[in-house]
Amino acid sequence: MHTAVDERPLIRCDQHGVATLTLNRPGQFNALSEEVLKTLNGELSRLAHDSTVRCVVIAAEGRAFCAGHDLKQMRATRDKAYYQQLFSLCGDVMQRIVELPLPVIARVQGIATAAGCQLV
């Protein structure tokens, strides 16, 4: 389990065959930074091959589920190649969720907008 000072952008907790992936950027309304997307993609990939897991829950810390892409991070990098890579990564995450051979549940509280809504 984690504490309130845990600064990892995504926390995985497995219990009784349920893997819970918790977005952990409550101060940014759990906006999807490049780091969050890469971590989420990796965890989903590992879960696809984990025979001990029967279900995946995507959850979030704080009062918002996910505000979508991290617009501050995107504004800081105005390079077309960066945007293409970021949106491709986001598409990979969403496709991985669709193709995961396990049920995926979104435990939503508060807002879920843009790419955050796609997680639902």
Protein backbone atom coordinates (compact mmCIF):
# COMPACT_ATOMS: atom_id res chain seq x y z
CA MET A 1 0.00 0.00 0.00
CA HIS A 2 1.15 3.59 -0.43
CA THR A 3 1.05 6.72 1.67
CA ALA A 4 -0.14 10.23 0.83
CA VAL A 5 3.47 11.28 0.16
CA ASP A 6 3.93 8.65 -2.55
CA GLU A 7 5.09 10.53 -5.65
CA ARG A 8 4.91 7.77 -8.23
CA PRO A 9 2.60 8.82 -11.09
CA LEU A 10 0.95 5.39 -11.15
CA ILE A 11 0.62 2.89 -8.32
CA ARG A 12 -0.08 -0.82 -8.81
CA CYS A 13 -1.64 -2.85 -6.02
CA ASP A 14 -2.61 -6.50 -6.48
CA GLN A 15 -5.06 -8.13 -4.08
CA HIS A 16 -7.19 -11.27 -4.45
CA GLY A 17 -6.68 -11.47 -8.22
CA VAL A 18 -7.56 -7.81 -8.78
CA ALA A 19 -4.83 -5.47 -10.02
CA THR A 20 -5.59 -1.85 -9.26
CA LEU A 21 -3.71 0.79 -11.23
CA THR A 22 -4.12 4.14 -9.48
CA LEU A 23 -3.35 7.41 -11.23
CA ASN A 24 -1.41 9.39 -8.63
CA ARG A 25 -1.21 13.02 -9.71
CA PRO A 26 -4.12 14.49 -7.73
CA GLY A 27 -2.62 18.00 -7.77
CA GLN A 28 -2.88 17.96 -11.58
CA PHE A 29 -6.29 16.23 -11.61
CA ASN A 30 -4.42 13.08 -12.67
CA ALA A 31 -3.55 14.55 -16.06
CA LEU A 32 -1.90 12.07 -18.41
CA SER A 33 1.74 13.09 -18.66
CA GLU A 34 4.11 11.23 -20.93
CA GLU A 35 5.49 9.43 -17.85
CA VAL A 36 2.01 8.33 -16.75
CA LEU A 37 1.18 7.01 -20.22
CA LYS A 38 4.47 5.08 -20.49
CA THR A 39 4.02 3.61 -17.01
CA LEU A 40 0.38 2.71 -17.67
CA ASN A 41 1.30 1.09 -20.98
CA GLY A 42 4.01 -0.99 -19.33
CA GLU A 43 1.79 -2.12 -16.46
CA LEU A 44 -1.04 -3.09 -18.82
CA SER A 45 1.43 -5.06 -20.92
CA ARG A 46 2.68 -6.94 -17.85
CA LEU A 47 -0.88 -7.61 -16.67
CA ALA A 48 -1.75 -9.26 -19.99
CA HIS A 49 0.76 -12.00 -19.11
CA ASP A 50 0.12 -12.27 -15.36
CA SER A 51 -1.85 -15.45 -14.70
CA THR A 52 -2.54 -14.44 -11.08
CA VAL A 53 -4.63 -11.44 -12.14
CA ARG A 54 -8.29 -11.91 -13.09
CA CYS A 55 -9.43 -8.28 -13.32
CA VAL A 56 -7.94 -4.79 -13.67
CA VAL A 57 -9.28 -1.65 -12.00
CA ILE A 58 -8.12 1.78 -13.13
CA ALA A 59 -8.59 4.25 -10.28
CA ALA A 60 -7.32 7.68 -9.29
CA GLU A 61 -6.25 9.59 -6.20
CA GLY A 62 -7.95 12.85 -5.31
CA ARG A 63 -11.23 14.38 -6.37
CA ALA A 64 -10.83 13.96 -10.13
CA PHE A 65 -10.46 10.76 -12.11
CA CYS A 66 -8.49 12.22 -15.03
CA ALA A 67 -8.47 15.59 -16.76
CA GLY A 68 -7.00 14.22 -19.99
CA HIS A 69 -3.57 15.04 -21.41
CA ASP A 70 -1.18 17.15 -19.35
CA LEU A 71 -1.59 20.43 -21.25
CA LYS A 72 1.22 22.16 -19.31
CA GLN A 73 3.63 19.49 -20.48
CA MET A 74 2.29 19.70 -24.02
CA ARG A 75 2.62 23.50 -24.15
CA ALA A 76 6.22 23.26 -22.97
CA THR A 77 7.07 21.14 -26.03
CA ARG A 78 5.74 22.49 -29.31
CA ASP A 79 7.57 20.04 -31.52
CA LYS A 80 5.33 18.23 -34.04
CA ALA A 81 7.27 14.97 -33.64
CA TYR A 82 6.69 15.10 -29.86
CA TYR A 83 2.94 15.51 -30.33
CA GLN A 84 2.84 12.62 -32.80
CA GLN A 85 4.78 10.40 -30.39
CA LEU A 86 2.58 11.40 -27.43
CA PHE A 87 -0.70 10.78 -29.25
CA SER A 88 0.63 7.48 -30.63
CA LEU A 89 1.55 6.42 -27.09
CA CYS A 90 -1.91 7.40 -25.86
CA GLY A 91 -3.49 5.40 -28.67
CA ASP A 92 -1.32 2.41 -27.74
CA VAL A 93 -2.54 2.61 -24.13
CA MET A 94 -6.17 2.77 -25.17
CA GLN A 95 -5.72 -0.11 -27.62
CA ARG A 96 -3.97 -2.17 -24.94
CA ILE A 97 -6.98 -1.67 -22.65
CA VAL A 98 -9.35 -2.83 -25.41
CA GLU A 99 -7.22 -5.89 -26.23
CA LEU A 100 -6.41 -6.89 -22.64
CA PRO A 101 -7.64 -10.46 -22.07
CA LEU A 102 -9.07 -9.38 -18.71
CA PRO A 103 -12.05 -7.30 -17.65
CA VAL A 104 -11.04 -3.66 -17.10
CA ILE A 105 -13.10 -1.49 -14.76
CA ALA A 106 -12.72 2.27 -14.35
CA ARG A 107 -13.46 3.44 -10.80
CA VAL A 108 -14.37 7.04 -11.59
CA GLN A 109 -14.86 9.92 -9.20
CA GLY A 110 -15.16 13.53 -10.28
CA ILE A 111 -14.26 14.56 -13.80
CA ALA A 112 -13.11 12.33 -16.63
CA THR A 113 -12.46 14.48 -19.70
CA ALA A 114 -10.76 14.12 -23.08
CA ALA A 115 -8.15 11.31 -22.96
CA GLY A 116 -9.20 10.67 -19.36
CA CYS A 117 -12.68 9.84 -20.61
CA GLN A 118 -11.11 7.33 -23.01
CA LEU A 119 -9.86 5.37 -19.99
CA VAL A 120 -13.50 4.79 -19.07
